């Protein structure tokens, strides 16, 4: 059930959520920061726990987690985008970093063919 003044909407086919009127029909506010890496496989689908950042506590963001959305702690995201990696990995996957702040200077933690490592971003 929705609280007084809220409306039920279905932004995703499998999830019903209640939103306050100011969020219906407009763009929803997005919090600063980014989502942590989501490299995990989708083992089983569960209902989304949020639709946007406004449904999460103040230090959290609504992020994709394999095959659903969940409120998770925000991470710092450095500027630039990770370079594209077209290689194929012949060795086991190994992550040398997990988030941008694990990397020095302006380097970003990027997902490559053999796992995450620190790389210079493409501007």
PDB file of N, CA and C in Angstrom:
ATOM      1  N   UNK A   1       0.829  -1.196   0.000  1.00  0.00           N
ATOM      2  CA  UNK A   1       0.000   0.000   0.000  1.00  0.00           C
ATOM      3  C   UNK A   1       0.869   1.254   0.000  1.00  0.00           C
ATOM      4  N   UNK A   2       0.422   2.263  -0.721  1.00  0.00           N
ATOM      5  CA  UNK A   2       1.134   3.533  -0.768  1.00  0.00           C
ATOM      6  C   UNK A   2       0.669   4.432   0.372  1.00  0.00           C
ATOM      7  N   UNK A   3       1.567   5.339   0.798  1.00  0.00           N
ATOM      8  CA  UNK A   3       1.212   6.317   1.815  1.00  0.00           C
ATOM      9  C   UNK A   3       0.328   7.396   1.204  1.00  0.00           C
ATOM     10  N   UNK A   4      -0.301   8.186   2.056  1.00  0.00           N
ATOM     11  CA  UNK A   4      -1.169   9.271   1.587  1.00  0.00           C
ATOM     12  C   UNK A   4      -0.392  10.208   0.671  1.00  0.00           C
ATOM     13  N   UNK A   5      -0.956  10.542  -0.474  1.00  0.00           N
ATOM     14  CA  UNK A   5      -0.333  11.467  -1.409  1.00  0.00           C
ATOM     15  C   UNK A   5       0.593  10.813  -2.420  1.00  0.00           C
ATOM     16  N   UNK A   6       0.831   9.501  -2.306  1.00  0.00           N
ATOM     17  CA  UNK A   6       1.693   8.809  -3.257  1.00  0.00           C
ATOM     18  C   UNK A   6       0.844   8.034  -4.258  1.00  0.00           C
ATOM     19  N   UNK A   7       1.429   7.730  -5.403  1.00  0.00           N
ATOM     20  CA  UNK A   7       0.739   6.965  -6.436  1.00  0.00           C
ATOM     21  C   UNK A   7       1.541   5.721  -6.768  1.00  0.00           C
ATOM     22  N   UNK A   8       0.829   4.664  -7.144  1.00  0.00           N
ATOM     23  CA  UNK A   8       1.497   3.430  -7.564  1.00  0.00           C
ATOM     24  C   UNK A   8       1.865   3.540  -9.030  1.00  0.00           C
ATOM     25  N   UNK A   9       3.099   3.228  -9.341  1.00  0.00           N
ATOM     26  CA  UNK A   9       3.548   3.210 -10.732  1.00  0.00           C
ATOM     27  C   UNK A   9       4.353   1.935 -10.960  1.00  0.00           C
ATOM     28  N   UNK A  10       4.470   1.538 -12.193  1.00  0.00           N
ATOM     29  CA  UNK A  10       5.231   0.345 -12.539  1.00  0.00           C
ATOM     30  C   UNK A  10       6.289   0.690 -13.575  1.00  0.00           C
ATOM     31  N   UNK A  11       7.434   1.272 -13.142  1.00  0.00           N
ATOM     32  CA  UNK A  11       8.467   1.643 -14.096  1.00  0.00           C
ATOM     33  C   UNK A  11       9.159   0.436 -14.716  1.00  0.00           C
ATOM     34  N   UNK A  12       9.155  -0.681 -14.031  1.00  0.00           N
ATOM     35  CA  UNK A  12       9.711  -1.923 -14.545  1.00  0.00           C
ATOM     36  C   UNK A  12       8.587  -2.942 -14.524  1.00  0.00           C
ATOM     37  N   UNK A  13       8.536  -3.783 -15.481  1.00  0.00           N
ATOM     38  CA  UNK A  13       7.407  -4.689 -15.629  1.00  0.00           C
ATOM     39  C   UNK A  13       7.162  -5.569 -14.411  1.00  0.00           C
ATOM     40  N   UNK A  14       8.198  -5.893 -13.645  1.00  0.00           N
ATOM     41  CA  UNK A  14       7.998  -6.816 -12.525  1.00  0.00           C
ATOM     42  C   UNK A  14       7.915  -6.126 -11.168  1.00  0.00           C
ATOM     43  N   UNK A  15       7.928  -4.795 -11.134  1.00  0.00           N
ATOM     44  CA  UNK A  15       7.980  -4.087  -9.865  1.00  0.00           C
ATOM     45  C   UNK A  15       6.946  -2.972  -9.792  1.00  0.00           C
ATOM     46  N   UNK A  16       6.223  -2.898  -8.685  1.00  0.00           N
ATOM     47  CA  UNK A  16       5.326  -1.778  -8.413  1.00  0.00           C
ATOM     48  C   UNK A  16       5.929  -0.975  -7.279  1.00  0.00           C
ATOM     49  N   UNK A  17       5.984   0.335  -7.445  1.00  0.00           N
ATOM     50  CA  UNK A  17       6.526   1.189  -6.395  1.00  0.00           C
ATOM     51  C   UNK A  17       5.593   2.357  -6.154  1.00  0.00           C
ATOM     52  N   UNK A  18       5.743   2.994  -5.013  1.00  0.00           N
ATOM     53  CA  UNK A  18       4.965   4.179  -4.672  1.00  0.00           C
ATOM     54  C   UNK A  18       5.869   5.398  -4.777  1.00  0.00           C
ATOM     55  N   UNK A  19       5.423   6.419  -5.506  1.00  0.00           N
ATOM     56  CA  UNK A  19       6.207   7.639  -5.659  1.00  0.00           C
ATOM     57  C   UNK A  19       5.394   8.849  -5.260  1.00  0.00           C
ATOM     58  N   UNK A  20       6.088   9.862  -4.750  1.00  0.00           N
ATOM     59  CA  UNK A  20       5.436  11.115  -4.419  1.00  0.00           C
ATOM     60  C   UNK A  20       5.131  11.865  -5.708  1.00  0.00           C
ATOM     61  N   UNK A  21       4.090  12.709  -5.710  1.00  0.00           N
ATOM     62  CA  UNK A  21       3.649  13.376  -6.937  1.00  0.00           C
ATOM     63  C   UNK A  21       4.743  14.138  -7.676  1.00  0.00           C
ATOM     64  N   UNK A  22       5.701  14.768  -6.966  1.00  0.00           N
ATOM     65  CA  UNK A  22       6.723  15.552  -7.665  1.00  0.00           C
ATOM     66  C   UNK A  22       7.627  14.687  -8.536  1.00  0.00           C
ATOM     67  N   UNK A  23       7.634  13.359  -8.326  1.00  0.00           N
ATOM     68  CA  UNK A  23       8.485  12.487  -9.121  1.00  0.00           C
ATOM     69  C   UNK A  23       7.739  11.824 -10.270  1.00  0.00           C
ATOM     70  N   UNK A  24       6.449  12.017 -10.346  1.00  0.00           N
ATOM     71  CA  UNK A  24       5.675  11.408 -11.423  1.00  0.00           C
ATOM     72  C   UNK A  24       5.742  12.287 -12.653  1.00  0.00           C
ATOM     73  N   UNK A  25       6.235  11.769 -13.745  1.00  0.00           N
ATOM     74  CA  UNK A  25       6.247  12.504 -15.000  1.00  0.00           C
ATOM     75  C   UNK A  25       7.473  13.354 -15.235  1.00  0.00           C
ATOM     76  N   UNK A  26       8.313  13.590 -14.256  1.00  0.00           N
ATOM     77  CA  UNK A  26       9.521  14.387 -14.445  1.00  0.00           C
ATOM     78  C   UNK A  26      10.744  13.511 -14.294  1.00  0.00           C
ATOM     79  N   UNK A  27      11.905  14.104 -14.477  1.00  0.00           N
ATOM     80  CA  UNK A  27      13.118  13.330 -14.267  1.00  0.00           C
ATOM     81  C   UNK A  27      13.405  13.272 -12.770  1.00  0.00           C
ATOM     82  N   UNK A  28      13.877  12.129 -12.316  1.00  0.00           N
ATOM     83  CA  UNK A  28      14.118  11.914 -10.899  1.00  0.00           C
ATOM     84  C   UNK A  28      15.521  12.390 -10.539  1.00  0.00           C
ATOM     85  N   UNK A  29      15.688  12.962  -9.339  1.00  0.00           N
ATOM     86  CA  UNK A  29      17.010  13.459  -8.955  1.00  0.00           C
ATOM     87  C   UNK A  29      18.002  12.312  -8.798  1.00  0.00           C
ATOM     88  N   UNK A  30      19.195  12.494  -9.339  1.00  0.00           N
ATOM     89  CA  UNK A  30      20.238  11.484  -9.210  1.00  0.00           C
ATOM     90  C   UNK A  30      21.315  12.022  -8.291  1.00  0.00           C
ATOM     91  N   UNK A  31      21.761  11.201  -7.358  1.00  0.00           N
ATOM     92  CA  UNK A  31      22.773  11.623  -6.402  1.00  0.00           C
ATOM     93  C   UNK A  31      24.158  11.585  -7.026  1.00  0.00           C
ATOM     94  N   UNK A  32      25.055  12.421  -6.467  1.00  0.00           N
ATOM     95  CA  UNK A  32      26.449  12.418  -6.907  1.00  0.00           C
ATOM     96  C   UNK A  32      27.079  11.079  -6.567  1.00  0.00           C
ATOM     97  N   UNK A  33      28.182  10.789  -7.201  1.00  0.00           N
ATOM     98  CA  UNK A  33      28.866   9.525  -6.968  1.00  0.00           C
ATOM     99  C   UNK A  33      28.401   8.487  -7.966  1.00  0.00           C
ATOM    100  N   UNK A  34      28.947   7.310  -7.842  1.00  0.00           N
ATOM    101  CA  UNK A  34      28.607   6.256  -8.787  1.00  0.00           C
ATOM    102  C   UNK A  34      28.266   4.965  -8.088  1.00  0.00           C
ATOM    103  N   UNK A  35      27.979   3.977  -8.903  1.00  0.00           N
ATOM    104  CA  UNK A  35      27.657   2.650  -8.399  1.00  0.00           C
ATOM    105  C   UNK A  35      28.922   1.798  -8.392  1.00  0.00           C
ATOM    106  N   UNK A  36      29.044   0.896  -7.424  1.00  0.00           N
ATOM    107  CA  UNK A  36      30.198   0.001  -7.423  1.00  0.00           C
ATOM    108  C   UNK A  36      30.132  -0.937  -8.629  1.00  0.00           C
ATOM    109  N   UNK A  37      31.257  -1.544  -9.011  1.00  0.00           N
ATOM    110  CA  UNK A  37      31.247  -2.459 -10.152  1.00  0.00           C
ATOM    111  C   UNK A  37      30.228  -3.571  -9.958  1.00  0.00           C
ATOM    112  N   UNK A  38      29.626  -3.974 -11.045  1.00  0.00           N
ATOM    113  CA  UNK A  38      28.632  -5.047 -11.018  1.00  0.00           C
ATOM    114  C   UNK A  38      29.080  -6.122 -11.994  1.00  0.00           C
ATOM    115  N   UNK A  39      30.055  -6.909 -11.580  1.00  0.00           N
ATOM    116  CA  UNK A  39      30.614  -7.934 -12.453  1.00  0.00           C
ATOM    117  C   UNK A  39      30.020  -9.310 -12.195  1.00  0.00           C
ATOM    118  N   UNK A  40      29.159  -9.420 -11.189  1.00  0.00           N
ATOM    119  CA  UNK A  40      28.634 -10.724 -10.812  1.00  0.00           C
ATOM    120  C   UNK A  40      27.597 -11.250 -11.784  1.00  0.00           C
ATOM    121  N   UNK A  41      27.505 -12.568 -11.891  1.00  0.00           N
ATOM    122  CA  UNK A  41      26.492 -13.156 -12.766  1.00  0.00           C
ATOM    123  C   UNK A  41      25.109 -13.074 -12.127  1.00  0.00           C
ATOM    124  N   UNK A  42      24.091 -13.149 -12.929  1.00  0.00           N
ATOM    125  CA  UNK A  42      22.715 -13.169 -12.428  1.00  0.00           C
ATOM    126  C   UNK A  42      22.373 -14.609 -12.073  1.00  0.00           C
ATOM    127  N   UNK A  43      22.361 -14.908 -10.786  1.00  0.00           N
ATOM    128  CA  UNK A  43      22.090 -16.273 -10.342  1.00  0.00           C
ATOM    129  C   UNK A  43      20.603 -16.543 -10.189  1.00  0.00           C
ATOM    130  N   UNK A  44      19.860 -15.551  -9.719  1.00  0.00           N
ATOM    131  CA  UNK A  44      18.404 -15.663  -9.659  1.00  0.00           C
ATOM    132  C   UNK A  44      17.815 -14.262  -9.621  1.00  0.00           C
ATOM    133  N   UNK A  45      16.727 -14.106 -10.320  1.00  0.00           N
ATOM    134  CA  UNK A  45      16.101 -12.793 -10.414  1.00  0.00           C
ATOM    135  C   UNK A  45      15.236 -12.533  -9.186  1.00  0.00           C
ATOM    136  N   UNK A  46      15.395 -11.361  -8.599  1.00  0.00           N
ATOM    137  CA  UNK A  46      14.561 -10.949  -7.470  1.00  0.00           C
ATOM    138  C   UNK A  46      13.963  -9.594  -7.812  1.00  0.00           C
ATOM    139  N   UNK A  47      12.886  -9.191  -7.141  1.00  0.00           N
ATOM    140  CA  UNK A  47      12.284  -7.884  -7.440  1.00  0.00           C
ATOM    141  C   UNK A  47      13.254  -6.745  -7.139  1.00  0.00           C
ATOM    142  N   UNK A  48      13.152  -5.683  -7.933  1.00  0.00           N
ATOM    143  CA  UNK A  48      13.947  -4.487  -7.682  1.00  0.00           C
ATOM    144  C   UNK A  48      13.605  -3.938  -6.302  1.00  0.00           C
ATOM    145  N   UNK A  49      14.614  -3.472  -5.570  1.00  0.00           N
ATOM    146  CA  UNK A  49      14.401  -2.894  -4.248  1.00  0.00           C
ATOM    147  C   UNK A  49      14.284  -1.377  -4.307  1.00  0.00           C
ATOM    148  N   UNK A  50      14.569  -0.791  -5.479  1.00  0.00           N
ATOM    149  CA  UNK A  50      14.440   0.650  -5.672  1.00  0.00           C
ATOM    150  C   UNK A  50      14.309   0.918  -7.166  1.00  0.00           C
ATOM    151  N   UNK A  51      13.889   2.140  -7.488  1.00  0.00           N
ATOM    152  CA  UNK A  51      13.764   2.553  -8.882  1.00  0.00           C
ATOM    153  C   UNK A  51      14.747   3.681  -9.173  1.00  0.00           C
ATOM    154  N   UNK A  52      14.981   4.552  -8.179  1.00  0.00           N
ATOM    155  CA  UNK A  52      15.888   5.681  -8.346  1.00  0.00           C
ATOM    156  C   UNK A  52      16.490   6.051  -6.995  1.00  0.00           C
ATOM    157  N   UNK A  53      17.445   6.971  -7.019  1.00  0.00           N
ATOM    158  CA  UNK A  53      18.182   7.359  -5.815  1.00  0.00           C
ATOM    159  C   UNK A  53      17.299   7.917  -4.703  1.00  0.00           C
ATOM    160  N   UNK A  54      16.172   8.532  -5.053  1.00  0.00           N
ATOM    161  CA  UNK A  54      15.320   9.147  -4.029  1.00  0.00           C
ATOM    162  C   UNK A  54      14.726   8.114  -3.076  1.00  0.00           C
ATOM    163  N   UNK A  55      14.749   6.858  -3.443  1.00  0.00           N
ATOM    164  CA  UNK A  55      14.196   5.803  -2.594  1.00  0.00           C
ATOM    165  C   UNK A  55      15.257   5.174  -1.691  1.00  0.00           C
ATOM    166  N   UNK A  56      16.469   5.709  -1.720  1.00  0.00           N
ATOM    167  CA  UNK A  56      17.573   5.162  -0.932  1.00  0.00           C
ATOM    168  C   UNK A  56      17.977   6.133   0.172  1.00  0.00           C
ATOM    169  N   UNK A  57      18.562   5.625   1.272  1.00  0.00           N
ATOM    170  CA  UNK A  57      19.100   6.507   2.311  1.00  0.00           C
ATOM    171  C   UNK A  57      20.120   7.472   1.704  1.00  0.00           C
ATOM    172  N   UNK A  58      20.416   8.559   2.393  1.00  0.00           N
ATOM    173  CA  UNK A  58      21.184   9.677   1.836  1.00  0.00           C
ATOM    174  C   UNK A  58      22.564   9.323   1.282  1.00  0.00           C
ATOM    175  N   UNK A  59      23.276   8.381   1.837  1.00  0.00           N
ATOM    176  CA  UNK A  59      24.621   8.059   1.347  1.00  0.00           C
ATOM    177  C   UNK A  59      24.625   6.877   0.382  1.00  0.00           C
ATOM    178  N   UNK A  60      23.457   6.562  -0.160  1.00  0.00           N
ATOM    179  CA  UNK A  60      23.351   5.407  -1.044  1.00  0.00           C
ATOM    180  C   UNK A  60      22.749   5.794  -2.387  1.00  0.00           C
ATOM    181  N   UNK A  61      22.954   4.927  -3.389  1.00  0.00           N
ATOM    182  CA  UNK A  61      22.406   5.099  -4.730  1.00  0.00           C
ATOM    183  C   UNK A  61      21.650   3.834  -5.119  1.00  0.00           C
ATOM    184  N   UNK A  62      20.707   3.984  -6.025  1.00  0.00           N
ATOM    185  CA  UNK A  62      19.970   2.847  -6.570  1.00  0.00           C
ATOM    186  C   UNK A  62      20.776   2.322  -7.760  1.00  0.00           C
ATOM    187  N   UNK A  63      21.370   1.147  -7.615  1.00  0.00           N
ATOM    188  CA  UNK A  63      22.288   0.613  -8.625  1.00  0.00           C
ATOM    189  C   UNK A  63      21.876  -0.777  -9.089  1.00  0.00           C
ATOM    190  N   UNK A  64      22.302  -1.122 -10.314  1.00  0.00           N
ATOM    191  CA  UNK A  64      22.087  -2.478 -10.831  1.00  0.00           C
ATOM    192  C   UNK A  64      23.000  -3.437 -10.089  1.00  0.00           C
ATOM    193  N   UNK A  65      22.472  -4.554  -9.655  1.00  0.00           N
ATOM    194  CA  UNK A  65      23.235  -5.623  -9.016  1.00  0.00           C
ATOM    195  C   UNK A  65      22.888  -6.898  -9.763  1.00  0.00           C
ATOM    196  N   UNK A  66      23.676  -7.294 -10.699  1.00  0.00           N
ATOM    197  CA  UNK A  66      23.476  -8.437 -11.593  1.00  0.00           C
ATOM    198  C   UNK A  66      22.129  -8.355 -12.310  1.00  0.00           C
ATOM    199  N   UNK A  67      21.022  -8.772 -11.710  1.00  0.00           N
ATOM    200  CA  UNK A  67      19.749  -8.741 -12.447  1.00  0.00           C
ATOM    201  C   UNK A  67      18.622  -8.056 -11.668  1.00  0.00           C
ATOM    202  N   UNK A  68      18.961  -7.150 -10.766  1.00  0.00           N
ATOM    203  CA  UNK A  68      17.954  -6.363 -10.054  1.00  0.00           C
ATOM    204  C   UNK A  68      18.588  -5.056  -9.597  1.00  0.00           C
ATOM    205  N   UNK A  69      17.785  -4.137  -9.080  1.00  0.00           N
ATOM    206  CA  UNK A  69      18.277  -2.847  -8.580  1.00  0.00           C
ATOM    207  C   UNK A  69      18.184  -2.843  -7.060  1.00  0.00           C
ATOM    208  N   UNK A  70      19.204  -2.231  -6.411  1.00  0.00           N
ATOM    209  CA  UNK A  70      19.288  -2.238  -4.952  1.00  0.00           C
ATOM    210  C   UNK A  70      19.989  -0.970  -4.475  1.00  0.00           C
ATOM    211  N   UNK A  71      19.634  -0.489  -3.280  1.00  0.00           N
ATOM    212  CA  UNK A  71      20.328   0.647  -2.673  1.00  0.00           C
ATOM    213  C   UNK A  71      21.681   0.164  -2.152  1.00  0.00           C
ATOM    214  N   UNK A  72      22.759   0.781  -2.654  1.00  0.00           N
ATOM    215  CA  UNK A  72      24.111   0.414  -2.223  1.00  0.00           C
ATOM    216  C   UNK A  72      24.897   1.685  -1.916  1.00  0.00           C
ATOM    217  N   UNK A  73      25.984   1.554  -1.188  1.00  0.00           N
ATOM    218  CA  UNK A  73      26.831   2.700  -0.846  1.00  0.00           C
ATOM    219  C   UNK A  73      27.445   3.306  -2.099  1.00  0.00           C
ATOM    220  N   UNK A  74      27.382   4.644  -2.203  1.00  0.00           N
ATOM    221  CA  UNK A  74      27.969   5.346  -3.355  1.00  0.00           C
ATOM    222  C   UNK A  74      29.480   5.204  -3.357  1.00  0.00           C
ATOM    223  N   UNK A  75      30.070   5.236  -4.541  1.00  0.00           N
ATOM    224  CA  UNK A  75      31.526   5.233  -4.658  1.00  0.00           C
ATOM    225  C   UNK A  75      31.953   6.460  -5.455  1.00  0.00           C
ATOM    226  N   UNK A  76      33.189   6.902  -5.245  1.00  0.00           N
ATOM    227  CA  UNK A  76      33.736   8.026  -5.992  1.00  0.00           C
ATOM    228  C   UNK A  76      34.083   7.558  -7.400  1.00  0.00           C
ATOM    229  N   UNK A  77      33.676   8.324  -8.388  1.00  0.00           N
ATOM    230  CA  UNK A  77      33.959   7.989  -9.785  1.00  0.00           C
ATOM    231  C   UNK A  77      34.825   9.093 -10.373  1.00  0.00           C
ATOM    232  N   UNK A  78      35.968   8.728 -10.933  1.00  0.00           N
ATOM    233  CA  UNK A  78      36.866   9.704 -11.549  1.00  0.00           C
ATOM    234  C   UNK A  78      36.373  10.064 -12.950  1.00  0.00           C
ATOM    235  N   UNK A  79      36.864  11.181 -13.472  1.00  0.00           N
ATOM    236  CA  UNK A  79      36.440  11.642 -14.787  1.00  0.00           C
ATOM    237  C   UNK A  79      37.030  10.778 -15.891  1.00  0.00           C
ATOM    238  N   UNK A  80      36.368  10.812 -17.045  1.00  0.00           N
ATOM    239  CA  UNK A  80      36.807  10.041 -18.202  1.00  0.00           C
ATOM    240  C   UNK A  80      36.129   8.687 -18.230  1.00  0.00           C
ATOM    241  N   UNK A  81      36.268   8.009 -19.352  1.00  0.00           N
ATOM    242  CA  UNK A  81      35.676   6.680 -19.491  1.00  0.00           C
ATOM    243  C   UNK A  81      36.782   5.652 -19.681  1.00  0.00           C
ATOM    244  N   UNK A  82      36.480   4.435 -19.323  1.00  0.00           N
ATOM    245  CA  UNK A  82      37.459   3.360 -19.473  1.00  0.00           C
ATOM    246  C   UNK A  82      37.652   3.041 -20.954  1.00  0.00           C
ATOM    247  N   UNK A  83      38.903   2.759 -21.350  1.00  0.00           N
ATOM    248  CA  UNK A  83      39.134   2.397 -22.751  1.00  0.00           C
ATOM    249  C   UNK A  83      38.494   1.049 -23.070  1.00  0.00           C
ATOM    250  N   UNK A  84      38.108   0.890 -24.326  1.00  0.00           N
ATOM    251  CA  UNK A  84      37.503  -0.369 -24.758  1.00  0.00           C
ATOM    252  C   UNK A  84      38.580  -1.447 -24.821  1.00  0.00           C
ATOM    253  N   UNK A  85      38.243  -2.642 -24.394  1.00  0.00           N
ATOM    254  CA  UNK A  85      39.178  -3.767 -24.396  1.00  0.00           C
ATOM    255  C   UNK A  85      38.612  -4.846 -25.310  1.00  0.00           C
ATOM    256  N   UNK A  86      39.278  -5.107 -26.428  1.00  0.00           N
ATOM    257  CA  UNK A  86      38.784  -6.095 -27.399  1.00  0.00           C
ATOM    258  C   UNK A  86      39.558  -7.411 -27.335  1.00  0.00           C
ATOM    259  N   UNK A  87      40.347  -7.584 -26.299  1.00  0.00           N
ATOM    260  CA  UNK A  87      41.149  -8.800 -26.184  1.00  0.00           C
ATOM    261  C   UNK A  87      40.318  -9.920 -25.571  1.00  0.00           C
ATOM    262  N   UNK A  88      40.783 -11.139 -25.733  1.00  0.00           N
ATOM    263  CA  UNK A  88      40.161 -12.305 -25.107  1.00  0.00           C
ATOM    264  C   UNK A  88      41.128 -12.834 -24.057  1.00  0.00           C
ATOM    265  N   UNK A  89      40.604 -13.220 -22.926  1.00  0.00           N
ATOM    266  CA  UNK A  89      41.450 -13.662 -21.822  1.00  0.00           C
ATOM    267  C   UNK A  89      41.657 -15.177 -21.876  1.00  0.00           C
ATOM    268  N   UNK A  90      42.908 -15.601 -21.790  1.00  0.00           N
ATOM    269  CA  UNK A  90      43.237 -17.026 -21.783  1.00  0.00           C
ATOM    270  C   UNK A  90      43.608 -17.506 -20.386  1.00  0.00           C
ATOM    271  N   UNK A  91      43.739 -16.583 -19.444  1.00  0.00           N
ATOM    272  CA  UNK A  91      44.087 -16.943 -18.069  1.00  0.00           C
ATOM    273  C   UNK A  91      42.881 -16.697 -17.162  1.00  0.00           C
ATOM    274  N   UNK A  92      42.938 -17.161 -15.923  1.00  0.00           N
ATOM    275  CA  UNK A  92      41.811 -16.931 -14.999  1.00  0.00           C
ATOM    276  C   UNK A  92      41.590 -15.437 -14.750  1.00  0.00           C
ATOM    277  N   UNK A  93      40.347 -15.072 -14.516  1.00  0.00           N
ATOM    278  CA  UNK A  93      39.989 -13.682 -14.217  1.00  0.00           C
ATOM    279  C   UNK A  93      40.634 -13.278 -12.895  1.00  0.00           C
ATOM    280  N   UNK A  94      41.259 -12.097 -12.875  1.00  0.00           N
ATOM    281  CA  UNK A  94      41.891 -11.590 -11.658  1.00  0.00           C
ATOM    282  C   UNK A  94      41.640 -10.093 -11.571  1.00  0.00           C
ATOM    283  N   UNK A  95      41.071  -9.643 -10.463  1.00  0.00           N
ATOM    284  CA  UNK A  95      40.804  -8.223 -10.264  1.00  0.00           C
ATOM    285  C   UNK A  95      41.948  -7.600  -9.461  1.00  0.00           C
ATOM    286  N   UNK A  96      42.608  -6.578 -10.038  1.00  0.00           N
ATOM    287  CA  UNK A  96      43.701  -5.880  -9.362  1.00  0.00           C
ATOM    288  C   UNK A  96      43.207  -4.619  -8.660  1.00  0.00           C
ATOM    289  N   UNK A  97      41.949  -4.240  -8.906  1.00  0.00           N
ATOM    290  CA  UNK A  97      41.301  -3.116  -8.226  1.00  0.00           C
ATOM    291  C   UNK A  97      39.805  -3.407  -8.197  1.00  0.00           C
ATOM    292  N   UNK A  98      39.086  -2.669  -7.370  1.00  0.00           N
ATOM    293  CA  UNK A  98      37.637  -2.865  -7.276  1.00  0.00           C
ATOM    294  C   UNK A  98      36.863  -1.578  -7.516  1.00  0.00           C
ATOM    295  N   UNK A  99      37.516  -0.431  -7.316  1.00  0.00           N
ATOM    296  CA  UNK A  99      36.861   0.870  -7.517  1.00  0.00           C
ATOM    297  C   UNK A  99      37.925   1.894  -7.899  1.00  0.00           C
ATOM    298  N   UNK A 100      37.485   3.021  -8.465  1.00  0.00           N
ATOM    299  CA  UNK A 100      38.417   4.047  -8.950  1.00  0.00           C
ATOM    300  C   UNK A 100      39.399   4.524  -7.884  1.00  0.00           C
ATOM    301  N   UNK A 101      38.960   4.622  -6.644  1.00  0.00           N
ATOM    302  CA  UNK A 101      39.843   5.130  -5.589  1.00  0.00           C
ATOM    303  C   UNK A 101      40.968   4.151  -5.248  1.00  0.00           C
ATOM    304  N   UNK A 102      40.918   2.926  -5.763  1.00  0.00           N
ATOM    305  CA  UNK A 102      42.026   1.979  -5.602  1.00  0.00           C
ATOM    306  C   UNK A 102      43.186   2.332  -6.536  1.00  0.00           C
ATOM    307  N   UNK A 103      42.941   3.207  -7.508  1.00  0.00           N
ATOM    308  CA  UNK A 103      43.938   3.559  -8.527  1.00  0.00           C
ATOM    309  C   UNK A 103      44.552   4.928  -8.241  1.00  0.00           C
ATOM    310  N   UNK A 104      45.819   5.104  -8.587  1.00  0.00           N
ATOM    311  CA  UNK A 104      46.537   6.362  -8.352  1.00  0.00           C
ATOM    312  C   UNK A 104      46.165   7.422  -9.379  1.00  0.00           C
ATOM    313  N   UNK A 105      46.268   8.672  -8.941  1.00  0.00           N
ATOM    314  CA  UNK A 105      46.057   9.803  -9.845  1.00  0.00           C
ATOM    315  C   UNK A 105      44.716   9.766 -10.542  1.00  0.00           C
ATOM    316  N   UNK A 106      44.741   9.982 -11.850  1.00  0.00           N
ATOM    317  CA  UNK A 106      43.492  10.024 -12.617  1.00  0.00           C
ATOM    318  C   UNK A 106      43.119   8.666 -13.203  1.00  0.00           C
ATOM    319  N   UNK A 107      43.926   7.630 -12.932  1.00  0.00           N
ATOM    320  CA  UNK A 107      43.616   6.295 -13.455  1.00  0.00           C
ATOM    321  C   UNK A 107      42.291   5.795 -12.904  1.00  0.00           C
ATOM    322  N   UNK A 108      41.595   5.011 -13.717  1.00  0.00           N
ATOM    323  CA  UNK A 108      40.315   4.441 -13.320  1.00  0.00           C
ATOM    324  C   UNK A 108      40.427   2.930 -13.219  1.00  0.00           C
ATOM    325  N   UNK A 109      39.586   2.335 -12.399  1.00  0.00           N
ATOM    326  CA  UNK A 109      39.511   0.885 -12.275  1.00  0.00           C
ATOM    327  C   UNK A 109      38.563   0.401 -13.371  1.00  0.00           C
ATOM    328  N   UNK A 110      39.117  -0.248 -14.393  1.00  0.00           N
ATOM    329  CA  UNK A 110      38.345  -0.622 -15.579  1.00  0.00           C
ATOM    330  C   UNK A 110      38.266  -2.135 -15.735  1.00  0.00           C
ATOM    331  N   UNK A 111      37.148  -2.604 -16.246  1.00  0.00           N
ATOM    332  CA  UNK A 111      36.966  -4.027 -16.504  1.00  0.00           C
ATOM    333  C   UNK A 111      37.560  -4.356 -17.865  1.00  0.00           C
ATOM    334  N   UNK A 112      38.556  -5.227 -17.867  1.00  0.00           N
ATOM    335  CA  UNK A 112      39.177  -5.682 -19.103  1.00  0.00           C
ATOM    336  C   UNK A 112      38.849  -7.147 -19.322  1.00  0.00           C
ATOM    337  N   UNK A 113      39.455  -7.738 -20.328  1.00  0.00           N
ATOM    338  CA  UNK A 113      39.178  -9.130 -20.667  1.00  0.00           C
ATOM    339  C   UNK A 113      39.539 -10.085 -19.532  1.00  0.00           C
ATOM    340  N   UNK A 114      40.601  -9.785 -18.785  1.00  0.00           N
ATOM    341  CA  UNK A 114      41.063 -10.691 -17.725  1.00  0.00           C
ATOM    342  C   UNK A 114      40.746 -10.198 -16.318  1.00  0.00           C
ATOM    343  N   UNK A 115      39.893  -9.196 -16.184  1.00  0.00           N
ATOM    344  CA  UNK A 115      39.509  -8.681 -14.874  1.00  0.00           C
ATOM    345  C   UNK A 115      39.678  -7.174 -14.797  1.00  0.00           C
ATOM    346  N   UNK A 116      39.514  -6.627 -13.604  1.00  0.00           N
ATOM    347  CA  UNK A 116      39.631  -5.182 -13.394  1.00  0.00           C
ATOM    348  C   UNK A 116      41.080  -4.811 -13.109  1.00  0.00           C
ATOM    349  N   UNK A 117      41.526  -3.692 -13.736  1.00  0.00           N
ATOM    350  CA  UNK A 117      42.848  -3.152 -13.446  1.00  0.00           C
ATOM    351  C   UNK A 117      42.823  -1.642 -13.664  1.00  0.00           C
ATOM    352  N   UNK A 118      43.866  -0.947 -13.174  1.00  0.00           N
ATOM    353  CA  UNK A 118      43.936   0.511 -13.285  1.00  0.00           C
ATOM    354  C   UNK A 118      44.425   0.897 -14.677  1.00  0.00           C
ATOM    355  N   UNK A 119      43.679   1.797 -15.336  1.00  0.00           N
ATOM    356  CA  UNK A 119      44.025   2.236 -16.689  1.00  0.00           C
ATOM    357  C   UNK A 119      43.820   3.733 -16.807  1.00  0.00           C
ATOM    358  N   UNK A 120      44.549   4.346 -17.736  1.00  0.00           N
ATOM    359  CA  UNK A 120      44.337   5.758 -18.031  1.00  0.00           C
ATOM    360  C   UNK A 120      43.019   5.902 -18.776  1.00  0.00           C
ATOM    361  N   UNK A 121      42.161   6.815 -18.328  1.00  0.00           N
ATOM    362  CA  UNK A 121      40.856   6.965 -18.978  1.00  0.00           C
ATOM    363  C   UNK A 121      40.963   7.635 -20.344  1.00  0.00           C
ATOM    364  N   UNK A 122      39.962   7.398 -21.162  1.00  0.00           N
ATOM    365  CA  UNK A 122      39.812   8.087 -22.439  1.00  0.00           C
ATOM    366  C   UNK A 122      39.062   9.362 -22.114  1.00  0.00           C
ATOM    367  N   UNK A 123      39.547  10.503 -22.531  1.00  0.00           N
ATOM    368  CA  UNK A 123      38.914  11.793 -22.176  1.00  0.00           C
ATOM    369  C   UNK A 123      37.728  12.087 -23.021  1.00  0.00           C
TER     370      UNK A 123
END
